[in-house]
């Protein structure tokens, strides 16, 4: 969790919500807002995690179809849950990392 000024968080709130839908908009538009950049990083990590889930589930579907479908379903629900947690954090003006994947930092600007 980073310390963010509540005024800065309020100003970056809308862009930070977009971070969990399409991460590169807040990454580019909110460069001067630490709150937005924090959530853009979380959105980027979530996006990359979803790519890993897709690749793994596709590979498993080629090998063992039911297991690939299970990984795809559970992974998709997990990604959705993490996105909802991230959006709730934004609405509450908190810069808390997402569970499991939130400790990964790819954007150093915050």
PDB file of N, CA and C in Angstrom:
ATOM      1  N   UNK A   1       0.852  -1.179   0.000  1.00  0.00           N
ATOM      2  CA  UNK A   1       0.000   0.000   0.000  1.00  0.00           C
ATOM      3  C   UNK A   1       0.895   1.239   0.000  1.00  0.00           C
ATOM      4  N   UNK A   2       0.581   2.167  -0.880  1.00  0.00           N
ATOM      5  CA  UNK A   2       1.352   3.407  -0.911  1.00  0.00           C
ATOM      6  C   UNK A   2       0.543   4.512  -0.251  1.00  0.00           C
ATOM      7  N   UNK A   3       1.245   5.482   0.262  1.00  0.00           N
ATOM      8  CA  UNK A   3       0.575   6.634   0.844  1.00  0.00           C
ATOM      9  C   UNK A   3       0.246   7.614  -0.264  1.00  0.00           C
ATOM     10  N   UNK A   4      -1.027   7.902  -0.409  1.00  0.00           N
ATOM     11  CA  UNK A   4      -1.483   8.802  -1.452  1.00  0.00           C
ATOM     12  C   UNK A   4      -2.337   9.881  -0.818  1.00  0.00           C
ATOM     13  N   UNK A   5      -2.108  11.089  -1.256  1.00  0.00           N
ATOM     14  CA  UNK A   5      -2.915  12.225  -0.816  1.00  0.00           C
ATOM     15  C   UNK A   5      -4.358  11.998  -1.274  1.00  0.00           C
ATOM     16  N   UNK A   6      -5.313  12.204  -0.390  1.00  0.00           N
ATOM     17  CA  UNK A   6      -6.724  11.966  -0.715  1.00  0.00           C
ATOM     18  C   UNK A   6      -7.185  12.859  -1.865  1.00  0.00           C
ATOM     19  N   UNK A   7      -6.676  14.077  -1.935  1.00  0.00           N
ATOM     20  CA  UNK A   7      -7.040  14.980  -3.037  1.00  0.00           C
ATOM     21  C   UNK A   7      -6.529  14.416  -4.366  1.00  0.00           C
ATOM     22  N   UNK A   8      -5.291  13.942  -4.361  1.00  0.00           N
ATOM     23  CA  UNK A   8      -4.724  13.338  -5.564  1.00  0.00           C
ATOM     24  C   UNK A   8      -5.504  12.083  -5.962  1.00  0.00           C
ATOM     25  N   UNK A   9      -5.895  11.292  -4.982  1.00  0.00           N
ATOM     26  CA  UNK A   9      -6.672  10.084  -5.253  1.00  0.00           C
ATOM     27  C   UNK A   9      -8.033  10.439  -5.838  1.00  0.00           C
ATOM     28  N   UNK A  10      -8.661  11.443  -5.291  1.00  0.00           N
ATOM     29  CA  UNK A  10      -9.966  11.878  -5.805  1.00  0.00           C
ATOM     30  C   UNK A  10      -9.850  12.362  -7.248  1.00  0.00           C
ATOM     31  N   UNK A  11      -8.775  13.071  -7.552  1.00  0.00           N
ATOM     32  CA  UNK A  11      -8.571  13.575  -8.916  1.00  0.00           C
ATOM     33  C   UNK A  11      -8.315  12.441  -9.910  1.00  0.00           C
ATOM     34  N   UNK A  12      -7.663  11.381  -9.473  1.00  0.00           N
ATOM     35  CA  UNK A  12      -7.323  10.280 -10.371  1.00  0.00           C
ATOM     36  C   UNK A  12      -8.279   9.109 -10.321  1.00  0.00           C
ATOM     37  N   UNK A  13      -9.362   9.258  -9.602  1.00  0.00           N
ATOM     38  CA  UNK A  13     -10.290   8.150  -9.353  1.00  0.00           C
ATOM     39  C   UNK A  13     -10.878   7.560 -10.639  1.00  0.00           C
ATOM     40  N   UNK A  14     -11.369   8.384 -11.530  1.00  0.00           N
ATOM     41  CA  UNK A  14     -12.015   7.873 -12.747  1.00  0.00           C
ATOM     42  C   UNK A  14     -11.004   7.137 -13.615  1.00  0.00           C
ATOM     43  N   UNK A  15      -9.839   7.722 -13.816  1.00  0.00           N
ATOM     44  CA  UNK A  15      -8.810   7.049 -14.609  1.00  0.00           C
ATOM     45  C   UNK A  15      -8.359   5.756 -13.937  1.00  0.00           C
ATOM     46  N   UNK A  16      -8.280   5.762 -12.619  1.00  0.00           N
ATOM     47  CA  UNK A  16      -7.849   4.559 -11.899  1.00  0.00           C
ATOM     48  C   UNK A  16      -8.856   3.423 -12.070  1.00  0.00           C
ATOM     49  N   UNK A  17     -10.134   3.747 -12.152  1.00  0.00           N
ATOM     50  CA  UNK A  17     -11.143   2.702 -12.401  1.00  0.00           C
ATOM     51  C   UNK A  17     -10.900   2.083 -13.769  1.00  0.00           C
ATOM     52  N   UNK A  18     -10.577   2.919 -14.760  1.00  0.00           N
ATOM     53  CA  UNK A  18     -10.298   2.403 -16.102  1.00  0.00           C
ATOM     54  C   UNK A  18      -9.093   1.469 -16.127  1.00  0.00           C
ATOM     55  N   UNK A  19      -8.217   1.570 -15.152  1.00  0.00           N
ATOM     56  CA  UNK A  19      -7.027   0.713 -15.111  1.00  0.00           C
ATOM     57  C   UNK A  19      -7.398  -0.762 -15.052  1.00  0.00           C
ATOM     58  N   UNK A  20      -8.539  -1.076 -14.494  1.00  0.00           N
ATOM     59  CA  UNK A  20      -8.946  -2.470 -14.368  1.00  0.00           C
ATOM     60  C   UNK A  20      -9.776  -2.938 -15.562  1.00  0.00           C
ATOM     61  N   UNK A  21     -10.054  -2.026 -16.469  1.00  0.00           N
ATOM     62  CA  UNK A  21     -10.784  -2.368 -17.685  1.00  0.00           C
ATOM     63  C   UNK A  21      -9.820  -2.385 -18.867  1.00  0.00           C
ATOM     64  N   UNK A  22      -9.050  -1.305 -19.001  1.00  0.00           N
ATOM     65  CA  UNK A  22      -8.058  -1.201 -20.067  1.00  0.00           C
ATOM     66  C   UNK A  22      -6.908  -0.348 -19.520  1.00  0.00           C
ATOM     67  N   UNK A  23      -5.853  -0.998 -19.101  1.00  0.00           N
ATOM     68  CA  UNK A  23      -4.820  -0.379 -18.277  1.00  0.00           C
ATOM     69  C   UNK A  23      -4.054   0.750 -18.948  1.00  0.00           C
ATOM     70  N   UNK A  24      -3.916   0.750 -20.281  1.00  0.00           N
ATOM     71  CA  UNK A  24      -3.014   1.722 -20.891  1.00  0.00           C
ATOM     72  C   UNK A  24      -3.596   3.129 -20.971  1.00  0.00           C
ATOM     73  N   UNK A  25      -4.915   3.292 -20.852  1.00  0.00           N
ATOM     74  CA  UNK A  25      -5.492   4.643 -20.840  1.00  0.00           C
ATOM     75  C   UNK A  25      -5.006   5.418 -19.608  1.00  0.00           C
ATOM     76  N   UNK A  26      -5.172   4.887 -18.395  1.00  0.00           N
ATOM     77  CA  UNK A  26      -4.647   5.627 -17.238  1.00  0.00           C
ATOM     78  C   UNK A  26      -3.120   5.682 -17.215  1.00  0.00           C
ATOM     79  N   UNK A  27      -2.487   4.696 -17.809  1.00  0.00           N
ATOM     80  CA  UNK A  27      -1.029   4.698 -17.859  1.00  0.00           C
ATOM     81  C   UNK A  27      -0.533   5.922 -18.622  1.00  0.00           C
ATOM     82  N   UNK A  28      -1.203   6.262 -19.694  1.00  0.00           N
ATOM     83  CA  UNK A  28      -0.802   7.406 -20.509  1.00  0.00           C
ATOM     84  C   UNK A  28      -1.428   8.714 -20.041  1.00  0.00           C
ATOM     85  N   UNK A  29      -2.696   8.696 -19.695  1.00  0.00           N
ATOM     86  CA  UNK A  29      -3.408   9.928 -19.359  1.00  0.00           C
ATOM     87  C   UNK A  29      -3.151  10.400 -17.924  1.00  0.00           C
ATOM     88  N   UNK A  30      -2.766   9.517 -17.046  1.00  0.00           N
ATOM     89  CA  UNK A  30      -2.576   9.890 -15.645  1.00  0.00           C
ATOM     90  C   UNK A  30      -1.140   9.834 -15.185  1.00  0.00           C
ATOM     91  N   UNK A  31      -0.232  10.210 -16.034  1.00  0.00           N
ATOM     92  CA  UNK A  31       1.201  10.109 -15.705  1.00  0.00           C
ATOM     93  C   UNK A  31       1.615  10.904 -14.473  1.00  0.00           C
ATOM     94  N   UNK A  32       0.944  12.000 -14.192  1.00  0.00           N
ATOM     95  CA  UNK A  32       1.347  12.850 -13.075  1.00  0.00           C
ATOM     96  C   UNK A  32       0.604  12.527 -11.777  1.00  0.00           C
ATOM     97  N   UNK A  33      -0.197  11.481 -11.772  1.00  0.00           N
ATOM     98  CA  UNK A  33      -0.983  11.120 -10.599  1.00  0.00           C
ATOM     99  C   UNK A  33      -0.517   9.764 -10.068  1.00  0.00           C
ATOM    100  N   UNK A  34       0.060   9.759  -8.871  1.00  0.00           N
ATOM    101  CA  UNK A  34       0.597   8.522  -8.289  1.00  0.00           C
ATOM    102  C   UNK A  34      -0.489   7.471  -8.059  1.00  0.00           C
ATOM    103  N   UNK A  35      -1.663   7.913  -7.638  1.00  0.00           N
ATOM    104  CA  UNK A  35      -2.781   7.001  -7.396  1.00  0.00           C
ATOM    105  C   UNK A  35      -3.173   6.284  -8.689  1.00  0.00           C
ATOM    106  N   UNK A  36      -3.295   7.043  -9.750  1.00  0.00           N
ATOM    107  CA  UNK A  36      -3.643   6.470 -11.049  1.00  0.00           C
ATOM    108  C   UNK A  36      -2.558   5.523 -11.536  1.00  0.00           C
ATOM    109  N   UNK A  37      -1.307   5.902 -11.382  1.00  0.00           N
ATOM    110  CA  UNK A  37      -0.208   5.057 -11.827  1.00  0.00           C
ATOM    111  C   UNK A  37      -0.137   3.756 -11.026  1.00  0.00           C
ATOM    112  N   UNK A  38      -0.409   3.828  -9.725  1.00  0.00           N
ATOM    113  CA  UNK A  38      -0.438   2.616  -8.914  1.00  0.00           C
ATOM    114  C   UNK A  38      -1.476   1.636  -9.464  1.00  0.00           C
ATOM    115  N   UNK A  39      -2.670   2.150  -9.731  1.00  0.00           N
ATOM    116  CA  UNK A  39      -3.728   1.269 -10.219  1.00  0.00           C
ATOM    117  C   UNK A  39      -3.494   0.862 -11.674  1.00  0.00           C
ATOM    118  N   UNK A  40      -2.814   1.681 -12.458  1.00  0.00           N
ATOM    119  CA  UNK A  40      -2.442   1.268 -13.815  1.00  0.00           C
ATOM    120  C   UNK A  40      -1.475   0.092 -13.749  1.00  0.00           C
ATOM    121  N   UNK A  41      -0.563   0.112 -12.790  1.00  0.00           N
ATOM    122  CA  UNK A  41       0.344  -1.020 -12.593  1.00  0.00           C
ATOM    123  C   UNK A  41      -0.444  -2.271 -12.216  1.00  0.00           C
ATOM    124  N   UNK A  42      -1.392  -2.127 -11.302  1.00  0.00           N
ATOM    125  CA  UNK A  42      -2.201  -3.270 -10.896  1.00  0.00           C
ATOM    126  C   UNK A  42      -3.013  -3.806 -12.081  1.00  0.00           C
ATOM    127  N   UNK A  43      -3.539  -2.897 -12.902  1.00  0.00           N
ATOM    128  CA  UNK A  43      -4.285  -3.308 -14.083  1.00  0.00           C
ATOM    129  C   UNK A  43      -3.414  -4.023 -15.102  1.00  0.00           C
ATOM    130  N   UNK A  44      -2.178  -3.545 -15.276  1.00  0.00           N
ATOM    131  CA  UNK A  44      -1.233  -4.190 -16.189  1.00  0.00           C
ATOM    132  C   UNK A  44      -0.903  -5.602 -15.711  1.00  0.00           C
ATOM    133  N   UNK A  45      -0.636  -5.753 -14.437  1.00  0.00           N
ATOM    134  CA  UNK A  45      -0.335  -7.076 -13.871  1.00  0.00           C
ATOM    135  C   UNK A  45      -1.547  -7.993 -14.019  1.00  0.00           C
ATOM    136  N   UNK A  46      -2.736  -7.468 -13.800  1.00  0.00           N
ATOM    137  CA  UNK A  46      -3.961  -8.258 -13.966  1.00  0.00           C
ATOM    138  C   UNK A  46      -4.136  -8.682 -15.426  1.00  0.00           C
ATOM    139  N   UNK A  47      -3.863  -7.781 -16.350  1.00  0.00           N
ATOM    140  CA  UNK A  47      -3.959  -8.101 -17.775  1.00  0.00           C
ATOM    141  C   UNK A  47      -2.974  -9.210 -18.147  1.00  0.00           C
ATOM    142  N   UNK A  48      -1.731  -9.086 -17.707  1.00  0.00           N
ATOM    143  CA  UNK A  48      -0.729 -10.114 -18.005  1.00  0.00           C
ATOM    144  C   UNK A  48      -1.103 -11.453 -17.374  1.00  0.00           C
ATOM    145  N   UNK A  49      -1.676 -11.407 -16.182  1.00  0.00           N
ATOM    146  CA  UNK A  49      -2.136 -12.633 -15.536  1.00  0.00           C
ATOM    147  C   UNK A  49      -3.244 -13.286 -16.353  1.00  0.00           C
ATOM    148  N   UNK A  50      -4.135 -12.467 -16.892  1.00  0.00           N
ATOM    149  CA  UNK A  50      -5.212 -13.035 -17.705  1.00  0.00           C
ATOM    150  C   UNK A  50      -4.670 -13.661 -18.982  1.00  0.00           C
ATOM    151  N   UNK A  51      -3.616 -13.068 -19.545  1.00  0.00           N
ATOM    152  CA  UNK A  51      -2.985 -13.683 -20.714  1.00  0.00           C
ATOM    153  C   UNK A  51      -2.390 -15.041 -20.369  1.00  0.00           C
ATOM    154  N   UNK A  52      -1.754 -15.147 -19.216  1.00  0.00           N
ATOM    155  CA  UNK A  52      -1.186 -16.419 -18.776  1.00  0.00           C
ATOM    156  C   UNK A  52      -2.296 -17.463 -18.599  1.00  0.00           C
ATOM    157  N   UNK A  53      -3.407 -17.047 -18.007  1.00  0.00           N
ATOM    158  CA  UNK A  53      -4.532 -17.975 -17.817  1.00  0.00           C
ATOM    159  C   UNK A  53      -5.041 -18.468 -19.162  1.00  0.00           C
ATOM    160  N   UNK A  54      -5.162 -17.573 -20.142  1.00  0.00           N
ATOM    161  CA  UNK A  54      -5.647 -17.965 -21.470  1.00  0.00           C
ATOM    162  C   UNK A  54      -4.688 -18.952 -22.128  1.00  0.00           C
ATOM    163  N   UNK A  55      -3.394 -18.644 -22.084  1.00  0.00           N
ATOM    164  CA  UNK A  55      -2.405 -19.522 -22.719  1.00  0.00           C
ATOM    165  C   UNK A  55      -2.392 -20.891 -22.050  1.00  0.00           C
ATOM    166  N   UNK A  56      -2.352 -20.919 -20.726  1.00  0.00           N
ATOM    167  CA  UNK A  56      -2.317 -22.190 -20.003  1.00  0.00           C
ATOM    168  C   UNK A  56      -3.585 -22.996 -20.262  1.00  0.00           C
ATOM    169  N   UNK A  57      -4.733 -22.341 -20.228  1.00  0.00           N
ATOM    170  CA  UNK A  57      -5.979 -23.091 -20.455  1.00  0.00           C
ATOM    171  C   UNK A  57      -6.064 -23.601 -21.891  1.00  0.00           C
ATOM    172  N   UNK A  58      -5.553 -22.845 -22.858  1.00  0.00           N
ATOM    173  CA  UNK A  58      -5.553 -23.337 -24.245  1.00  0.00           C
ATOM    174  C   UNK A  58      -4.625 -24.536 -24.415  1.00  0.00           C
ATOM    175  N   UNK A  59      -3.466 -24.473 -23.810  1.00  0.00           N
ATOM    176  CA  UNK A  59      -2.531 -25.605 -23.894  1.00  0.00           C
ATOM    177  C   UNK A  59      -3.155 -26.840 -23.242  1.00  0.00           C
ATOM    178  N   UNK A  60      -3.750 -26.642 -22.067  1.00  0.00           N
ATOM    179  CA  UNK A  60      -4.379 -27.775 -21.389  1.00  0.00           C
ATOM    180  C   UNK A  60      -5.582 -28.304 -22.165  1.00  0.00           C
ATOM    181  N   UNK A  61      -6.279 -27.424 -22.876  1.00  0.00           N
ATOM    182  CA  UNK A  61      -7.421 -27.879 -23.685  1.00  0.00           C
ATOM    183  C   UNK A  61      -6.969 -28.782 -24.822  1.00  0.00           C
ATOM    184  N   UNK A  62      -5.798 -28.533 -25.366  1.00  0.00           N
ATOM    185  CA  UNK A  62      -5.276 -29.396 -26.422  1.00  0.00           C
ATOM    186  C   UNK A  62      -4.890 -30.768 -25.869  1.00  0.00           C
ATOM    187  N   UNK A  63      -4.411 -30.767 -24.628  1.00  0.00           N
ATOM    188  CA  UNK A  63      -3.940 -32.013 -24.034  1.00  0.00           C
ATOM    189  C   UNK A  63      -5.100 -32.770 -23.377  1.00  0.00           C
ATOM    190  N   UNK A  64      -5.751 -32.119 -22.420  1.00  0.00           N
ATOM    191  CA  UNK A  64      -6.861 -32.735 -21.685  1.00  0.00           C
ATOM    192  C   UNK A  64      -7.990 -31.706 -21.640  1.00  0.00           C
ATOM    193  N   UNK A  65      -8.947 -31.844 -22.536  1.00  0.00           N
ATOM    194  CA  UNK A  65      -9.989 -30.845 -22.718  1.00  0.00           C
ATOM    195  C   UNK A  65     -10.712 -30.434 -21.435  1.00  0.00           C
ATOM    196  N   UNK A  66     -11.199 -31.356 -20.600  1.00  0.00           N
ATOM    197  CA  UNK A  66     -11.949 -30.919 -19.409  1.00  0.00           C
ATOM    198  C   UNK A  66     -11.117 -30.084 -18.434  1.00  0.00           C
ATOM    199  N   UNK A  67      -9.851 -30.417 -18.300  1.00  0.00           N
ATOM    200  CA  UNK A  67      -8.999 -29.653 -17.377  1.00  0.00           C
ATOM    201  C   UNK A  67      -8.760 -28.254 -17.931  1.00  0.00           C
ATOM    202  N   UNK A  68      -8.572 -28.133 -19.227  1.00  0.00           N
ATOM    203  CA  UNK A  68      -8.409 -26.821 -19.847  1.00  0.00           C
ATOM    204  C   UNK A  68      -9.631 -25.950 -19.644  1.00  0.00           C
ATOM    205  N   UNK A  69     -10.802 -26.537 -19.772  1.00  0.00           N
ATOM    206  CA  UNK A  69     -12.044 -25.790 -19.551  1.00  0.00           C
ATOM    207  C   UNK A  69     -12.180 -25.359 -18.091  1.00  0.00           C
ATOM    208  N   UNK A  70     -11.777 -26.233 -17.183  1.00  0.00           N
ATOM    209  CA  UNK A  70     -11.835 -25.906 -15.755  1.00  0.00           C
ATOM    210  C   UNK A  70     -10.885 -24.758 -15.428  1.00  0.00           C
ATOM    211  N   UNK A  71      -9.661 -24.833 -15.933  1.00  0.00           N
ATOM    212  CA  UNK A  71      -8.683 -23.761 -15.698  1.00  0.00           C
ATOM    213  C   UNK A  71      -9.197 -22.452 -16.288  1.00  0.00           C
ATOM    214  N   UNK A  72      -9.778 -22.522 -17.473  1.00  0.00           N
ATOM    215  CA  UNK A  72     -10.325 -21.325 -18.114  1.00  0.00           C
ATOM    216  C   UNK A  72     -11.444 -20.719 -17.280  1.00  0.00           C
ATOM    217  N   UNK A  73     -12.355 -21.527 -16.802  1.00  0.00           N
ATOM    218  CA  UNK A  73     -13.491 -21.032 -16.023  1.00  0.00           C
ATOM    219  C   UNK A  73     -13.053 -20.448 -14.680  1.00  0.00           C
ATOM    220  N   UNK A  74     -12.258 -21.209 -13.960  1.00  0.00           N
ATOM    221  CA  UNK A  74     -11.794 -20.746 -12.647  1.00  0.00           C
ATOM    222  C   UNK A  74     -10.896 -19.517 -12.794  1.00  0.00           C
ATOM    223  N   UNK A  75     -10.017 -19.552 -13.785  1.00  0.00           N
ATOM    224  CA  UNK A  75      -9.133 -18.416 -14.020  1.00  0.00           C
ATOM    225  C   UNK A  75      -9.895 -17.156 -14.380  1.00  0.00           C
ATOM    226  N   UNK A  76     -10.905 -17.286 -15.233  1.00  0.00           N
ATOM    227  CA  UNK A  76     -11.717 -16.130 -15.623  1.00  0.00           C
ATOM    228  C   UNK A  76     -12.461 -15.546 -14.431  1.00  0.00           C
ATOM    229  N   UNK A  77     -13.013 -16.409 -13.603  1.00  0.00           N
ATOM    230  CA  UNK A  77     -13.696 -15.926 -12.399  1.00  0.00           C
ATOM    231  C   UNK A  77     -12.721 -15.248 -11.438  1.00  0.00           C
ATOM    232  N   UNK A  78     -11.517 -15.800 -11.337  1.00  0.00           N
ATOM    233  CA  UNK A  78     -10.496 -15.189 -10.486  1.00  0.00           C
ATOM    234  C   UNK A  78     -10.081 -13.818 -10.992  1.00  0.00           C
ATOM    235  N   UNK A  79      -9.904 -13.685 -12.301  1.00  0.00           N
ATOM    236  CA  UNK A  79      -9.544 -12.395 -12.899  1.00  0.00           C
ATOM    237  C   UNK A  79     -10.657 -11.386 -12.658  1.00  0.00           C
ATOM    238  N   UNK A  80     -11.895 -11.802 -12.865  1.00  0.00           N
ATOM    239  CA  UNK A  80     -13.036 -10.915 -12.624  1.00  0.00           C
ATOM    240  C   UNK A  80     -13.086 -10.478 -11.160  1.00  0.00           C
ATOM    241  N   UNK A  81     -12.872 -11.410 -10.248  1.00  0.00           N
ATOM    242  CA  UNK A  81     -12.884 -11.085  -8.815  1.00  0.00           C
ATOM    243  C   UNK A  81     -11.793 -10.083  -8.473  1.00  0.00           C
ATOM    244  N   UNK A  82     -10.593 -10.281  -9.032  1.00  0.00           N
ATOM    245  CA  UNK A  82      -9.498  -9.346  -8.760  1.00  0.00           C
ATOM    246  C   UNK A  82      -9.795  -7.958  -9.329  1.00  0.00           C
ATOM    247  N   UNK A  83     -10.404  -7.905 -10.508  1.00  0.00           N
ATOM    248  CA  UNK A  83     -10.767  -6.610 -11.097  1.00  0.00           C
ATOM    249  C   UNK A  83     -11.787  -5.893 -10.215  1.00  0.00           C
ATOM    250  N   UNK A  84     -12.758  -6.631  -9.698  1.00  0.00           N
ATOM    251  CA  UNK A  84     -13.761  -6.026  -8.819  1.00  0.00           C
ATOM    252  C   UNK A  84     -13.116  -5.527  -7.531  1.00  0.00           C
ATOM    253  N   UNK A  85     -12.206  -6.308  -6.970  1.00  0.00           N
ATOM    254  CA  UNK A  85     -11.485  -5.873  -5.757  1.00  0.00           C
ATOM    255  C   UNK A  85     -10.706  -4.595  -6.048  1.00  0.00           C
ATOM    256  N   UNK A  86     -10.047  -4.542  -7.196  1.00  0.00           N
ATOM    257  CA  UNK A  86      -9.298  -3.341  -7.568  1.00  0.00           C
ATOM    258  C   UNK A  86     -10.190  -2.121  -7.703  1.00  0.00           C
ATOM    259  N   UNK A  87     -11.336  -2.282  -8.342  1.00  0.00           N
ATOM    260  CA  UNK A  87     -12.263  -1.160  -8.506  1.00  0.00           C
ATOM    261  C   UNK A  87     -12.815  -0.713  -7.155  1.00  0.00           C
ATOM    262  N   UNK A  88     -13.091  -1.651  -6.276  1.00  0.00           N
ATOM    263  CA  UNK A  88     -13.552  -1.295  -4.926  1.00  0.00           C
ATOM    264  C   UNK A  88     -12.470  -0.496  -4.200  1.00  0.00           C
ATOM    265  N   UNK A  89     -11.208  -0.902  -4.342  1.00  0.00           N
ATOM    266  CA  UNK A  89     -10.111  -0.147  -3.729  1.00  0.00           C
ATOM    267  C   UNK A  89     -10.062   1.281  -4.267  1.00  0.00           C
ATOM    268  N   UNK A  90     -10.269   1.442  -5.567  1.00  0.00           N
ATOM    269  CA  UNK A  90     -10.259   2.784  -6.161  1.00  0.00           C
ATOM    270  C   UNK A  90     -11.390   3.626  -5.590  1.00  0.00           C
ATOM    271  N   UNK A  91     -12.584   3.068  -5.551  1.00  0.00           N
ATOM    272  CA  UNK A  91     -13.747   3.811  -5.053  1.00  0.00           C
ATOM    273  C   UNK A  91     -13.539   4.232  -3.600  1.00  0.00           C
ATOM    274  N   UNK A  92     -12.845   3.399  -2.830  1.00  0.00           N
ATOM    275  CA  UNK A  92     -12.567   3.721  -1.431  1.00  0.00           C
ATOM    276  C   UNK A  92     -11.316   4.583  -1.281  1.00  0.00           C
ATOM    277  N   UNK A  93     -10.733   5.014  -2.422  1.00  0.00           N
ATOM    278  CA  UNK A  93      -9.528   5.860  -2.455  1.00  0.00           C
ATOM    279  C   UNK A  93      -8.345   5.207  -1.738  1.00  0.00           C
ATOM    280  N   UNK A  94      -8.207   3.896  -1.915  1.00  0.00           N
ATOM    281  CA  UNK A  94      -7.101   3.157  -1.312  1.00  0.00           C
ATOM    282  C   UNK A  94      -6.157   2.656  -2.392  1.00  0.00           C
ATOM    283  N   UNK A  95      -4.905   2.615  -2.077  1.00  0.00           N
ATOM    284  CA  UNK A  95      -3.888   2.083  -2.993  1.00  0.00           C
ATOM    285  C   UNK A  95      -3.353   0.779  -2.414  1.00  0.00           C
ATOM    286  N   UNK A  96      -4.254  -0.186  -2.261  1.00  0.00           N
ATOM    287  CA  UNK A  96      -3.882  -1.497  -1.733  1.00  0.00           C
ATOM    288  C   UNK A  96      -3.591  -2.439  -2.890  1.00  0.00           C
ATOM    289  N   UNK A  97      -2.552  -3.249  -2.764  1.00  0.00           N
ATOM    290  CA  UNK A  97      -2.269  -4.221  -3.823  1.00  0.00           C
ATOM    291  C   UNK A  97      -3.326  -5.319  -3.872  1.00  0.00           C
ATOM    292  N   UNK A  98      -3.525  -5.845  -5.068  1.00  0.00           N
ATOM    293  CA  UNK A  98      -4.467  -6.948  -5.250  1.00  0.00           C
ATOM    294  C   UNK A  98      -3.939  -8.195  -4.547  1.00  0.00           C
ATOM    295  N   UNK A  99      -4.838  -9.067  -4.097  1.00  0.00           N
ATOM    296  CA  UNK A  99      -4.380 -10.328  -3.512  1.00  0.00           C
ATOM    297  C   UNK A  99      -3.601 -11.154  -4.545  1.00  0.00           C
ATOM    298  N   UNK A 100      -2.646 -11.896  -4.114  1.00  0.00           N
ATOM    299  CA  UNK A 100      -1.828 -12.844  -4.875  1.00  0.00           C
ATOM    300  C   UNK A 100      -0.882 -12.155  -5.851  1.00  0.00           C
ATOM    301  N   UNK A 101      -1.379 -11.331  -6.762  1.00  0.00           N
ATOM    302  CA  UNK A 101      -0.542 -10.759  -7.829  1.00  0.00           C
ATOM    303  C   UNK A 101      -0.162  -9.304  -7.582  1.00  0.00           C
ATOM    304  N   UNK A 102      -0.714  -8.669  -6.574  1.00  0.00           N
ATOM    305  CA  UNK A 102      -0.544  -7.243  -6.360  1.00  0.00           C
ATOM    306  C   UNK A 102       0.851  -6.790  -5.971  1.00  0.00           C
ATOM    307  N   UNK A 103       1.694  -7.711  -5.548  1.00  0.00           N
ATOM    308  CA  UNK A 103       3.046  -7.324  -5.153  1.00  0.00           C
ATOM    309  C   UNK A 103       3.998  -7.124  -6.309  1.00  0.00           C
ATOM    310  N   UNK A 104       3.562  -7.439  -7.510  1.00  0.00           N
ATOM    311  CA  UNK A 104       4.407  -7.295  -8.697  1.00  0.00           C
ATOM    312  C   UNK A 104       4.360  -5.846  -9.164  1.00  0.00           C
ATOM    313  N   UNK A 105       5.529  -5.246  -9.345  1.00  0.00           N
ATOM    314  CA  UNK A 105       5.611  -3.872  -9.814  1.00  0.00           C
ATOM    315  C   UNK A 105       6.276  -3.835 -11.162  1.00  0.00           C
ATOM    316  N   UNK A 106       5.547  -3.366 -12.170  1.00  0.00           N
ATOM    317  CA  UNK A 106       6.082  -3.208 -13.514  1.00  0.00           C
ATOM    318  C   UNK A 106       6.238  -1.756 -13.907  1.00  0.00           C
ATOM    319  N   UNK A 107       5.487  -0.880 -13.246  1.00  0.00           N
ATOM    320  CA  UNK A 107       5.549   0.550 -13.502  1.00  0.00           C
ATOM    321  C   UNK A 107       6.133   1.207 -12.263  1.00  0.00           C
ATOM    322  N   UNK A 108       7.266   1.819 -12.393  1.00  0.00           N
ATOM    323  CA  UNK A 108       7.993   2.368 -11.242  1.00  0.00           C
ATOM    324  C   UNK A 108       7.669   3.831 -10.946  1.00  0.00           C
ATOM    325  N   UNK A 109       6.728   4.445 -11.623  1.00  0.00           N
ATOM    326  CA  UNK A 109       6.520   5.873 -11.517  1.00  0.00           C
ATOM    327  C   UNK A 109       5.734   6.315 -10.290  1.00  0.00           C
ATOM    328  N   UNK A 110       5.307   5.407  -9.449  1.00  0.00           N
ATOM    329  CA  UNK A 110       4.572   5.833  -8.256  1.00  0.00           C
ATOM    330  C   UNK A 110       5.442   5.636  -7.054  1.00  0.00           C
TER     331      UNK A 110
END
